[in-house]
């Protein structure tokens, strides 16, 4: 049975389990957490969520001016 490590993707913040020999130290941070469940199966991924209160710079912006009707 392969040895597993729990890692966090440095760019996305997602946490997931990988085979220990496949860890990319440049892209992943190895976590000190269990990587498998009680029967030895890899744990499911945990996806990072952006806070709804954090400002965002992506997407479209709307103007607050009302369009004037032609007279």
N, C-alpha and C. Protein backbone atom coordinates (compact mmCIF):
# COMPACT_ATOMS: atom_id res chain seq x y z
N UNK A 1 0.86 -1.18 0.00
CA UNK A 1 0.00 0.00 0.00
C UNK A 1 0.90 1.24 0.00
N UNK A 2 0.61 2.21 -0.87
CA UNK A 2 1.45 3.41 -0.93
C UNK A 2 1.30 4.28 0.31
N UNK A 3 2.30 5.10 0.55
CA UNK A 3 2.25 6.05 1.66
C UNK A 3 1.66 7.35 1.12
N UNK A 4 0.72 7.93 1.87
CA UNK A 4 0.03 9.14 1.44
C UNK A 4 0.42 10.33 2.31
N UNK A 5 0.32 11.53 1.72
CA UNK A 5 0.53 12.78 2.44
C UNK A 5 -0.65 13.70 2.18
N UNK A 6 -1.02 14.47 3.20
CA UNK A 6 -2.06 15.49 3.04
C UNK A 6 -1.34 16.78 2.70
N UNK A 7 -1.77 17.44 1.63
CA UNK A 7 -1.10 18.65 1.16
C UNK A 7 -2.09 19.77 0.93
N UNK A 8 -1.56 20.98 0.84
CA UNK A 8 -2.35 22.17 0.52
C UNK A 8 -1.72 22.80 -0.72
N UNK A 9 -2.53 23.04 -1.73
CA UNK A 9 -2.05 23.69 -2.95
C UNK A 9 -1.75 25.15 -2.61
N UNK A 10 -0.54 25.60 -2.88
CA UNK A 10 -0.13 26.96 -2.51
C UNK A 10 -0.87 28.03 -3.30
N UNK A 11 -1.32 27.73 -4.52
CA UNK A 11 -1.98 28.75 -5.32
C UNK A 11 -3.49 28.83 -5.08
N UNK A 12 -4.13 27.71 -4.75
CA UNK A 12 -5.59 27.72 -4.59
C UNK A 12 -6.05 27.58 -3.14
N UNK A 13 -5.21 26.99 -2.29
CA UNK A 13 -5.59 26.75 -0.91
C UNK A 13 -6.35 25.46 -0.71
N UNK A 14 -6.59 24.69 -1.78
CA UNK A 14 -7.29 23.41 -1.67
C UNK A 14 -6.40 22.42 -0.93
N UNK A 15 -7.04 21.57 -0.11
CA UNK A 15 -6.33 20.51 0.61
C UNK A 15 -6.74 19.17 0.02
N UNK A 16 -5.77 18.29 -0.21
CA UNK A 16 -6.06 16.98 -0.77
C UNK A 16 -4.95 16.00 -0.42
N UNK A 17 -5.20 14.73 -0.70
CA UNK A 17 -4.26 13.67 -0.39
C UNK A 17 -3.59 13.19 -1.67
N UNK A 18 -2.26 13.05 -1.61
CA UNK A 18 -1.49 12.54 -2.75
C UNK A 18 -0.55 11.45 -2.26
N UNK A 19 -0.06 10.65 -3.19
CA UNK A 19 0.98 9.68 -2.86
C UNK A 19 2.22 10.47 -2.47
N UNK A 20 2.84 10.10 -1.36
CA UNK A 20 3.94 10.88 -0.79
C UNK A 20 5.07 11.14 -1.79
N UNK A 21 5.35 10.19 -2.66
CA UNK A 21 6.44 10.37 -3.62
C UNK A 21 6.08 11.37 -4.73
N UNK A 22 4.80 11.75 -4.83
CA UNK A 22 4.35 12.68 -5.88
C UNK A 22 4.23 14.12 -5.38
N UNK A 23 4.63 14.39 -4.15
CA UNK A 23 4.53 15.74 -3.60
C UNK A 23 5.48 16.67 -4.34
N UNK A 24 4.94 17.80 -4.81
CA UNK A 24 5.73 18.84 -5.47
C UNK A 24 5.92 19.97 -4.45
N UNK A 25 7.10 20.05 -3.86
CA UNK A 25 7.36 21.02 -2.80
C UNK A 25 7.18 22.47 -3.26
N UNK A 26 7.36 22.74 -4.56
CA UNK A 26 7.20 24.10 -5.07
C UNK A 26 5.74 24.52 -5.12
N UNK A 27 4.85 23.57 -5.38
CA UNK A 27 3.44 23.89 -5.56
C UNK A 27 2.57 23.49 -4.37
N UNK A 28 3.10 22.63 -3.48
CA UNK A 28 2.30 22.10 -2.39
C UNK A 28 2.99 22.27 -1.05
N UNK A 29 2.19 22.49 -0.02
CA UNK A 29 2.68 22.54 1.35
C UNK A 29 2.22 21.26 2.03
N UNK A 30 3.15 20.47 2.57
CA UNK A 30 2.80 19.24 3.26
C UNK A 30 2.22 19.60 4.62
N UNK A 31 1.05 19.05 4.93
CA UNK A 31 0.35 19.34 6.18
C UNK A 31 0.59 18.24 7.20
N UNK A 32 0.53 18.59 8.46
CA UNK A 32 0.65 17.60 9.53
C UNK A 32 -0.74 17.15 9.94
N UNK A 33 -1.42 16.51 8.99
CA UNK A 33 -2.77 16.00 9.20
C UNK A 33 -2.82 14.58 8.68
N UNK A 34 -3.82 13.82 9.13
CA UNK A 34 -4.02 12.49 8.59
C UNK A 34 -4.36 12.61 7.11
N UNK A 35 -3.80 11.71 6.30
CA UNK A 35 -4.05 11.72 4.87
C UNK A 35 -5.06 10.64 4.47
N UNK A 36 -5.28 9.68 5.37
CA UNK A 36 -6.20 8.57 5.08
C UNK A 36 -7.19 8.39 6.22
N UNK A 37 -8.30 7.70 5.92
CA UNK A 37 -9.30 7.43 6.95
C UNK A 37 -8.92 6.16 7.73
N UNK A 38 -9.81 5.68 8.58
CA UNK A 38 -9.51 4.55 9.47
C UNK A 38 -9.27 3.24 8.72
N UNK A 39 -9.76 3.12 7.49
CA UNK A 39 -9.53 1.90 6.71
C UNK A 39 -8.41 2.06 5.69
N UNK A 40 -7.74 3.22 5.70
CA UNK A 40 -6.59 3.43 4.82
C UNK A 40 -6.90 4.07 3.48
N UNK A 41 -8.14 4.51 3.29
CA UNK A 41 -8.52 5.17 2.04
C UNK A 41 -8.15 6.66 2.12
N UNK A 42 -7.66 7.24 1.01
CA UNK A 42 -7.33 8.67 1.01
C UNK A 42 -8.55 9.53 1.35
N UNK A 43 -8.32 10.57 2.14
CA UNK A 43 -9.40 11.49 2.51
C UNK A 43 -9.83 12.30 1.29
N UNK A 44 -11.10 12.72 1.24
CA UNK A 44 -11.56 13.54 0.11
C UNK A 44 -10.95 14.94 0.16
N UNK A 45 -10.94 15.63 -0.97
CA UNK A 45 -10.38 16.98 -0.99
C UNK A 45 -11.25 17.96 -0.21
N UNK A 46 -10.61 19.02 0.28
CA UNK A 46 -11.31 20.13 0.93
C UNK A 46 -11.02 21.36 0.08
N UNK A 47 -12.06 21.93 -0.51
CA UNK A 47 -11.87 23.07 -1.39
C UNK A 47 -11.90 24.37 -0.61
N UNK A 48 -10.96 25.25 -0.90
CA UNK A 48 -10.90 26.55 -0.26
C UNK A 48 -12.03 27.42 -0.80
N UNK A 49 -12.65 28.17 0.09
CA UNK A 49 -13.75 29.07 -0.31
C UNK A 49 -13.33 30.49 -0.03
N UNK A 50 -13.61 31.38 -0.98
CA UNK A 50 -13.34 32.79 -0.75
C UNK A 50 -14.41 33.35 0.17
N UNK A 51 -14.00 34.21 1.05
CA UNK A 51 -14.94 34.86 1.95
C UNK A 51 -15.85 35.79 1.15
N UNK A 52 -17.13 35.78 1.47
CA UNK A 52 -18.07 36.66 0.77
C UNK A 52 -17.84 38.12 1.12
N UNK A 53 -17.19 38.37 2.25
CA UNK A 53 -16.96 39.75 2.66
C UNK A 53 -15.67 40.32 2.06
N UNK A 54 -14.86 39.48 1.41
CA UNK A 54 -13.62 39.99 0.86
C UNK A 54 -13.88 40.71 -0.46
N UNK A 55 -13.18 41.81 -0.68
CA UNK A 55 -13.39 42.55 -1.93
C UNK A 55 -12.84 41.76 -3.11
N UNK A 56 -13.45 41.96 -4.25
CA UNK A 56 -12.99 41.28 -5.45
C UNK A 56 -12.71 42.31 -6.54
N UNK A 57 -11.76 42.02 -7.36
CA UNK A 57 -11.43 42.94 -8.45
C UNK A 57 -11.80 42.34 -9.80
N UNK A 58 -12.34 41.14 -9.80
CA UNK A 58 -12.71 40.52 -11.07
C UNK A 58 -14.19 40.75 -11.35
N UNK A 59 -14.57 40.55 -12.59
CA UNK A 59 -15.97 40.70 -12.96
C UNK A 59 -16.26 42.07 -13.53
N UNK A 60 -17.50 42.27 -13.88
CA UNK A 60 -17.91 43.52 -14.49
C UNK A 60 -18.30 44.52 -13.41
N UNK A 61 -18.22 45.79 -13.78
CA UNK A 61 -18.66 46.84 -12.87
C UNK A 61 -19.83 47.57 -13.51
N UNK A 62 -20.70 48.08 -12.70
CA UNK A 62 -21.86 48.80 -13.21
C UNK A 62 -21.74 50.27 -12.83
N UNK A 63 -22.24 51.12 -13.69
CA UNK A 63 -22.24 52.55 -13.38
C UNK A 63 -23.51 52.86 -12.59
N UNK A 64 -23.46 53.89 -11.78
CA UNK A 64 -24.62 54.25 -10.98
C UNK A 64 -25.42 55.38 -11.61
N UNK A 65 -24.94 55.93 -12.71
CA UNK A 65 -25.67 57.02 -13.38
C UNK A 65 -26.85 56.45 -14.15
N UNK A 66 -27.96 57.16 -14.08
CA UNK A 66 -29.12 56.77 -14.88
C UNK A 66 -28.94 57.34 -16.28
N UNK A 67 -29.36 56.56 -17.25
CA UNK A 67 -29.28 57.06 -18.61
C UNK A 67 -30.37 58.10 -18.82
N UNK A 68 -30.02 59.19 -19.48
CA UNK A 68 -30.99 60.25 -19.74
C UNK A 68 -31.73 59.93 -21.03
N UNK A 69 -33.03 60.09 -21.00
CA UNK A 69 -33.83 59.87 -22.20
C UNK A 69 -33.68 61.07 -23.12
N UNK A 70 -33.62 60.80 -24.41
CA UNK A 70 -33.54 61.90 -25.38
C UNK A 70 -34.86 62.66 -25.40
N UNK A 71 -34.79 63.98 -25.38
CA UNK A 71 -36.01 64.81 -25.39
C UNK A 71 -36.46 65.10 -26.79
